[in-house]
N, C-alpha and C. Protein backbone atom coordinates (compact mmCIF):
# COMPACT_ATOMS: atom_id res chain seq x y z
N MET A 1 26.63 30.69 53.62
CA MET A 1 26.18 30.47 55.00
C MET A 1 27.40 30.36 55.91
N SER A 2 27.41 31.10 56.97
CA SER A 2 28.56 31.07 57.89
C SER A 2 28.58 29.74 58.63
N ALA A 3 29.77 29.39 59.15
CA ALA A 3 29.93 28.13 59.87
C ALA A 3 28.93 28.03 61.02
N ALA A 4 28.79 29.10 61.78
CA ALA A 4 27.88 29.07 62.93
C ALA A 4 26.44 28.86 62.47
N LYS A 5 26.09 29.45 61.32
CA LYS A 5 24.71 29.35 60.85
C LYS A 5 24.32 27.91 60.52
N TRP A 6 25.16 27.19 59.78
CA TRP A 6 24.81 25.81 59.43
C TRP A 6 24.83 24.91 60.66
N LEU A 7 25.74 25.16 61.59
CA LEU A 7 25.78 24.39 62.84
C LEU A 7 24.58 24.71 63.73
N ASN A 8 24.15 25.96 63.70
CA ASN A 8 23.00 26.38 64.51
C ASN A 8 21.69 25.80 64.01
N LYS A 9 21.65 25.38 62.76
CA LYS A 9 20.42 24.80 62.22
C LYS A 9 20.12 23.44 62.87
N VAL A 10 21.16 22.76 63.32
CA VAL A 10 20.98 21.45 63.98
C VAL A 10 20.35 21.68 65.34
N LYS A 11 19.35 20.86 65.67
CA LYS A 11 18.71 20.93 66.99
C LYS A 11 19.46 20.01 67.95
N TRP A 12 20.39 20.59 68.68
CA TRP A 12 21.21 19.86 69.64
C TRP A 12 20.37 19.57 70.88
N ASP A 13 20.60 18.43 71.54
CA ASP A 13 19.85 18.12 72.76
C ASP A 13 20.40 18.90 73.95
N ASP A 14 19.89 18.63 75.15
CA ASP A 14 20.29 19.36 76.35
C ASP A 14 21.78 19.21 76.68
N GLN A 15 22.39 18.12 76.21
CA GLN A 15 23.83 17.91 76.42
C GLN A 15 24.66 18.43 75.25
N GLY A 16 24.01 19.08 74.29
CA GLY A 16 24.73 19.61 73.13
C GLY A 16 25.08 18.54 72.11
N LEU A 17 24.28 17.46 72.10
CA LEU A 17 24.55 16.33 71.20
C LEU A 17 23.41 16.14 70.20
N VAL A 18 23.74 15.44 69.12
CA VAL A 18 22.76 15.05 68.12
C VAL A 18 23.04 13.59 67.75
N PRO A 19 21.97 12.77 67.60
CA PRO A 19 22.19 11.39 67.18
C PRO A 19 22.61 11.33 65.72
N VAL A 20 23.48 10.35 65.43
CA VAL A 20 24.04 10.21 64.09
C VAL A 20 23.94 8.75 63.65
N ILE A 21 23.45 8.54 62.44
CA ILE A 21 23.40 7.22 61.83
C ILE A 21 24.46 7.18 60.74
N ALA A 22 25.29 6.13 60.77
CA ALA A 22 26.29 5.93 59.72
C ALA A 22 25.77 4.85 58.78
N GLN A 23 25.60 5.21 57.52
CA GLN A 23 25.07 4.30 56.51
C GLN A 23 26.10 4.15 55.40
N GLU A 24 26.37 2.91 55.03
CA GLU A 24 27.31 2.64 53.94
C GLU A 24 26.70 3.12 52.63
N ALA A 25 27.40 4.02 51.94
CA ALA A 25 26.86 4.62 50.72
C ALA A 25 26.63 3.59 49.61
N SER A 26 27.52 2.62 49.47
CA SER A 26 27.42 1.67 48.36
C SER A 26 26.31 0.63 48.55
N SER A 27 26.05 0.20 49.77
CA SER A 27 25.07 -0.86 50.02
C SER A 27 23.79 -0.38 50.70
N ASN A 28 23.83 0.83 51.26
CA ASN A 28 22.76 1.39 52.09
C ASN A 28 22.60 0.66 53.43
N ASP A 29 23.55 -0.22 53.79
CA ASP A 29 23.51 -0.87 55.11
C ASP A 29 23.69 0.18 56.20
N VAL A 30 22.87 0.09 57.25
CA VAL A 30 23.08 0.93 58.43
C VAL A 30 24.16 0.25 59.25
N LEU A 31 25.28 0.94 59.44
CA LEU A 31 26.43 0.33 60.09
C LEU A 31 26.51 0.62 61.58
N MET A 32 26.16 1.83 61.97
CA MET A 32 26.26 2.16 63.39
C MET A 32 25.47 3.41 63.73
N PHE A 33 25.32 3.61 65.02
CA PHE A 33 24.66 4.78 65.60
C PHE A 33 25.64 5.38 66.59
N ALA A 34 25.74 6.69 66.61
CA ALA A 34 26.64 7.36 67.55
C ALA A 34 26.10 8.77 67.82
N TRP A 35 26.90 9.56 68.49
CA TRP A 35 26.54 10.93 68.83
C TRP A 35 27.62 11.89 68.33
N MET A 36 27.21 13.12 68.06
CA MET A 36 28.14 14.19 67.72
C MET A 36 27.78 15.43 68.53
N ASN A 37 28.81 16.19 68.87
CA ASN A 37 28.60 17.55 69.36
C ASN A 37 29.03 18.49 68.24
N ARG A 38 28.96 19.78 68.48
CA ARG A 38 29.30 20.75 67.43
C ARG A 38 30.71 20.55 66.91
N GLU A 39 31.65 20.32 67.83
CA GLU A 39 33.05 20.15 67.43
C GLU A 39 33.22 18.89 66.57
N ALA A 40 32.54 17.81 66.95
CA ALA A 40 32.65 16.57 66.18
C ALA A 40 32.12 16.76 64.76
N LEU A 41 30.98 17.45 64.63
CA LEU A 41 30.42 17.69 63.30
C LEU A 41 31.34 18.61 62.49
N SER A 42 31.88 19.63 63.13
CA SER A 42 32.82 20.53 62.45
C SER A 42 34.05 19.78 61.96
N ARG A 43 34.61 18.94 62.83
CA ARG A 43 35.81 18.15 62.47
C ARG A 43 35.49 17.15 61.36
N THR A 44 34.29 16.57 61.39
CA THR A 44 33.87 15.63 60.34
C THR A 44 33.87 16.33 58.98
N VAL A 45 33.31 17.52 58.93
CA VAL A 45 33.28 18.29 57.69
C VAL A 45 34.69 18.67 57.26
N GLU A 46 35.50 19.12 58.21
CA GLU A 46 36.87 19.55 57.93
C GLU A 46 37.74 18.39 57.41
N LEU A 47 37.65 17.22 58.06
CA LEU A 47 38.51 16.08 57.70
C LEU A 47 37.96 15.23 56.56
N GLY A 48 36.64 15.25 56.38
CA GLY A 48 36.03 14.35 55.40
C GLY A 48 35.98 12.91 55.91
N GLU A 49 36.13 12.76 57.23
CA GLU A 49 36.06 11.47 57.91
C GLU A 49 35.24 11.64 59.18
N ALA A 50 34.56 10.57 59.59
CA ALA A 50 33.66 10.65 60.73
C ALA A 50 34.40 10.85 62.04
N VAL A 51 33.96 11.86 62.77
CA VAL A 51 34.43 12.13 64.13
C VAL A 51 33.19 12.20 65.01
N TYR A 52 33.17 11.40 66.06
CA TYR A 52 32.01 11.33 66.94
C TYR A 52 32.38 11.83 68.33
N TRP A 53 31.35 11.97 69.18
CA TRP A 53 31.55 12.29 70.59
C TRP A 53 31.29 11.01 71.39
N SER A 54 32.27 10.57 72.14
CA SER A 54 32.10 9.40 73.00
C SER A 54 31.51 9.84 74.32
N ARG A 55 30.28 9.44 74.60
CA ARG A 55 29.64 9.80 75.86
C ARG A 55 30.30 9.10 77.03
N SER A 56 30.76 7.87 76.83
CA SER A 56 31.39 7.14 77.94
C SER A 56 32.77 7.69 78.28
N ARG A 57 33.54 8.06 77.25
CA ARG A 57 34.89 8.58 77.48
C ARG A 57 34.93 10.10 77.58
N LYS A 58 33.80 10.74 77.27
CA LYS A 58 33.68 12.21 77.32
C LYS A 58 34.77 12.90 76.49
N LYS A 59 34.93 12.41 75.25
CA LYS A 59 35.91 13.03 74.36
C LYS A 59 35.58 12.74 72.91
N LEU A 60 36.18 13.53 72.02
CA LEU A 60 36.02 13.29 70.60
C LEU A 60 36.65 11.95 70.24
N TRP A 61 36.07 11.30 69.24
CA TRP A 61 36.51 9.98 68.82
C TRP A 61 36.51 9.96 67.30
N HIS A 62 37.71 9.98 66.72
CA HIS A 62 37.86 9.89 65.27
C HIS A 62 37.74 8.41 64.91
N LYS A 63 36.64 8.04 64.29
CA LYS A 63 36.37 6.64 63.96
C LYS A 63 37.55 6.06 63.19
N GLY A 64 38.09 4.97 63.72
CA GLY A 64 39.22 4.32 63.07
C GLY A 64 40.57 4.72 63.63
N GLU A 65 40.58 5.63 64.64
CA GLU A 65 41.86 6.10 65.17
C GLU A 65 42.69 4.96 65.77
N GLU A 66 42.04 3.94 66.32
CA GLU A 66 42.75 2.78 66.85
C GLU A 66 42.67 1.60 65.90
N SER A 67 41.49 1.37 65.33
CA SER A 67 41.24 0.17 64.53
C SER A 67 41.70 0.30 63.08
N GLY A 68 41.80 1.53 62.59
CA GLY A 68 42.06 1.74 61.17
C GLY A 68 40.79 1.72 60.33
N HIS A 69 39.64 1.47 60.98
CA HIS A 69 38.37 1.37 60.26
C HIS A 69 37.71 2.74 60.10
N VAL A 70 38.40 3.59 59.37
CA VAL A 70 37.99 4.97 59.12
C VAL A 70 36.72 4.99 58.27
N GLN A 71 35.90 6.01 58.50
CA GLN A 71 34.69 6.22 57.70
C GLN A 71 34.87 7.49 56.88
N LYS A 72 35.03 7.32 55.57
CA LYS A 72 35.15 8.46 54.65
C LYS A 72 33.75 8.97 54.34
N ILE A 73 33.57 10.27 54.46
CA ILE A 73 32.26 10.89 54.27
C ILE A 73 31.97 11.08 52.79
N LYS A 74 30.81 10.60 52.37
CA LYS A 74 30.32 10.82 51.01
C LYS A 74 29.24 11.90 51.00
N GLU A 75 28.35 11.87 52.01
CA GLU A 75 27.29 12.87 52.17
C GLU A 75 26.97 13.02 53.64
N ILE A 76 26.52 14.21 54.00
CA ILE A 76 25.99 14.47 55.34
C ILE A 76 24.59 15.03 55.15
N ARG A 77 23.62 14.39 55.80
CA ARG A 77 22.23 14.83 55.67
C ARG A 77 21.64 15.11 57.04
N LEU A 78 20.69 16.03 57.06
CA LEU A 78 19.96 16.41 58.27
C LEU A 78 18.50 16.05 58.03
N ASP A 79 17.85 15.40 59.01
CA ASP A 79 16.47 14.97 58.83
C ASP A 79 15.50 16.16 58.88
N CYS A 80 14.23 15.89 58.60
CA CYS A 80 13.21 16.93 58.49
C CYS A 80 12.99 17.70 59.78
N ASP A 81 13.19 17.05 60.93
CA ASP A 81 13.05 17.73 62.22
C ASP A 81 14.34 18.42 62.64
N GLU A 82 15.39 18.23 61.85
CA GLU A 82 16.71 18.84 62.07
C GLU A 82 17.34 18.39 63.38
N ASP A 83 17.01 17.13 63.80
CA ASP A 83 17.56 16.63 65.07
C ASP A 83 18.22 15.25 64.97
N VAL A 84 18.45 14.79 63.73
CA VAL A 84 19.19 13.54 63.49
C VAL A 84 20.04 13.75 62.24
N ILE A 85 21.29 13.30 62.31
CA ILE A 85 22.20 13.39 61.17
C ILE A 85 22.41 12.01 60.58
N LEU A 86 22.43 11.95 59.26
CA LEU A 86 22.75 10.73 58.53
C LEU A 86 24.06 10.96 57.80
N LEU A 87 25.04 10.10 58.07
CA LEU A 87 26.29 10.12 57.33
C LEU A 87 26.25 9.00 56.32
N LYS A 88 26.44 9.32 55.06
CA LYS A 88 26.62 8.29 54.04
C LYS A 88 28.13 8.16 53.89
N ILE A 89 28.62 6.96 54.18
CA ILE A 89 30.06 6.80 54.31
C ILE A 89 30.59 5.64 53.47
N GLU A 90 31.90 5.66 53.30
CA GLU A 90 32.64 4.52 52.77
C GLU A 90 33.43 3.96 53.94
N GLN A 91 33.15 2.71 54.30
CA GLN A 91 33.73 2.09 55.49
C GLN A 91 35.02 1.35 55.14
N ALA A 92 36.13 1.74 55.77
CA ALA A 92 37.41 1.06 55.56
C ALA A 92 37.33 -0.38 56.04
N ASP A 93 37.84 -1.30 55.25
CA ASP A 93 37.90 -2.73 55.56
C ASP A 93 36.53 -3.36 55.79
N SER A 94 35.47 -2.65 55.48
CA SER A 94 34.10 -3.17 55.62
C SER A 94 33.74 -3.53 57.06
N ILE A 95 34.48 -2.99 58.03
CA ILE A 95 34.21 -3.28 59.44
C ILE A 95 33.91 -1.98 60.17
N ALA A 96 32.67 -1.86 60.68
CA ALA A 96 32.29 -0.67 61.44
C ALA A 96 32.19 -0.96 62.93
N CYS A 97 31.92 -2.22 63.29
CA CYS A 97 31.64 -2.57 64.69
C CYS A 97 32.90 -2.98 65.43
N HIS A 98 32.98 -2.59 66.71
CA HIS A 98 34.14 -2.96 67.53
C HIS A 98 34.21 -4.47 67.79
N THR A 99 33.13 -5.20 67.43
CA THR A 99 33.14 -6.67 67.56
C THR A 99 33.78 -7.33 66.34
N GLY A 100 34.21 -6.53 65.36
CA GLY A 100 34.83 -7.06 64.16
C GLY A 100 33.84 -7.41 63.06
N ARG A 101 32.61 -6.93 63.22
CA ARG A 101 31.56 -7.19 62.23
C ARG A 101 31.37 -5.98 61.30
N HIS A 102 30.69 -6.25 60.19
CA HIS A 102 30.39 -5.20 59.22
C HIS A 102 29.54 -4.10 59.85
N SER A 103 28.50 -4.49 60.59
CA SER A 103 27.56 -3.55 61.17
C SER A 103 27.40 -3.81 62.67
N CYS A 104 27.09 -2.77 63.40
CA CYS A 104 26.78 -2.92 64.83
C CYS A 104 25.41 -3.59 65.02
N PHE A 105 24.60 -3.60 63.99
CA PHE A 105 23.25 -4.16 64.07
C PHE A 105 23.26 -5.60 63.59
N TYR A 106 23.98 -6.45 64.30
CA TYR A 106 24.16 -7.85 63.90
C TYR A 106 23.25 -8.81 64.67
N GLN A 107 22.45 -8.29 65.58
CA GLN A 107 21.53 -9.13 66.34
C GLN A 107 20.11 -8.89 65.86
N LYS A 108 19.42 -9.97 65.49
CA LYS A 108 18.09 -9.89 64.92
C LYS A 108 17.11 -10.57 65.88
N PHE A 109 15.98 -9.91 66.13
CA PHE A 109 14.95 -10.52 66.97
C PHE A 109 14.21 -11.56 66.17
N GLU A 110 14.09 -12.74 66.72
CA GLU A 110 13.34 -13.82 66.08
C GLU A 110 12.44 -14.45 67.12
N GLY A 111 11.24 -14.81 66.70
CA GLY A 111 10.30 -15.46 67.59
C GLY A 111 9.09 -14.60 67.86
N THR A 112 8.47 -14.87 69.01
CA THR A 112 7.24 -14.18 69.38
C THR A 112 7.43 -13.43 70.69
N LEU A 113 6.40 -12.74 71.12
CA LEU A 113 6.43 -11.98 72.36
C LEU A 113 6.90 -12.82 73.54
N ASN A 114 6.36 -14.02 73.67
CA ASN A 114 6.67 -14.87 74.82
C ASN A 114 7.80 -15.85 74.56
N ASP A 115 8.18 -16.00 73.31
CA ASP A 115 9.18 -17.01 72.96
C ASP A 115 10.19 -16.45 71.96
N GLY A 116 10.64 -15.22 72.20
CA GLY A 116 11.57 -14.60 71.27
C GLY A 116 12.93 -14.38 71.90
N ASP A 117 13.91 -14.15 71.05
CA ASP A 117 15.26 -13.84 71.54
C ASP A 117 16.05 -13.19 70.41
N TRP A 118 17.18 -12.61 70.77
CA TRP A 118 18.08 -11.98 69.81
C TRP A 118 19.06 -13.02 69.28
N GLN A 119 19.13 -13.13 67.97
CA GLN A 119 20.02 -14.09 67.32
C GLN A 119 21.11 -13.33 66.57
N THR A 120 22.35 -13.79 66.72
CA THR A 120 23.46 -13.21 65.97
C THR A 120 23.37 -13.71 64.54
N VAL A 121 23.27 -12.77 63.59
CA VAL A 121 23.05 -13.15 62.20
C VAL A 121 24.19 -12.73 61.26
N ASP A 122 25.14 -11.96 61.76
CA ASP A 122 26.26 -11.52 60.92
C ASP A 122 27.57 -12.04 61.50
N PRO A 123 28.48 -12.50 60.64
CA PRO A 123 29.74 -13.08 61.12
C PRO A 123 30.75 -12.04 61.56
N VAL A 124 31.67 -12.47 62.40
CA VAL A 124 32.84 -11.66 62.75
C VAL A 124 33.79 -11.73 61.56
N LEU A 125 34.16 -10.57 61.01
CA LEU A 125 35.05 -10.53 59.85
C LEU A 125 36.51 -10.51 60.27
N LYS A 126 36.76 -9.96 61.47
CA LYS A 126 38.13 -9.90 62.00
C LYS A 126 38.05 -9.95 63.52
N ASP A 127 38.88 -10.76 64.11
CA ASP A 127 38.90 -10.92 65.56
C ASP A 127 39.23 -9.58 66.22
N PRO A 128 38.35 -9.10 67.12
CA PRO A 128 38.60 -7.81 67.78
C PRO A 128 39.94 -7.78 68.53
N GLU A 129 40.41 -8.91 69.01
CA GLU A 129 41.71 -8.98 69.70
C GLU A 129 42.84 -8.53 68.78
N SER A 130 42.69 -8.79 67.48
CA SER A 130 43.73 -8.40 66.53
C SER A 130 43.53 -6.96 66.04
N ILE A 131 42.36 -6.39 66.28
CA ILE A 131 42.08 -5.02 65.86
C ILE A 131 42.56 -4.03 66.90
N TYR A 132 42.23 -4.30 68.16
CA TYR A 132 42.55 -3.38 69.26
C TYR A 132 43.67 -3.95 70.08
N LYS A 133 44.77 -3.30 70.06
CA LYS A 133 45.97 -3.78 70.78
C LYS A 133 45.95 -3.27 72.21
C-alpha cells in the first residue's frame, strides 16, 4: 500500500485533522487526547514516537520535546468509522499530562445532577515547574 493510500483511508475533518487517543499499552490507561494532521501521523510512523498537531500553536508537536515525556509507539489503530486513531504507547517517566500527572483524565465526576462536581483523583507525580523550564 502506498503512503498516500494508507493516509487517505483516514477520514480527516474539515481542518484536515483526526482525533487521537493515547493509551498506555501496558496498563490500558487512557492517558491523553490530541489531534493529528497527515504530517503528524506520517512523522509518528517514521519516528516511532507520537507527533501531534497543536491547534492552539498551529504547529507540529513531538510529544516530550520539552518535557522528555516521549511516547514510544507500540501500535497504531484506526476505528471502524476510520475517523479516530488509537495509539498504544509506552509513556516515558509515566507522565503524559502537562500537570505532571500520569493521565490527563485525572478529574472524576462525583455526585448527582444537582449536587455534583469534578474531583481530582490522581496525584501530581512531578511538579510541572520542574518539567517545563
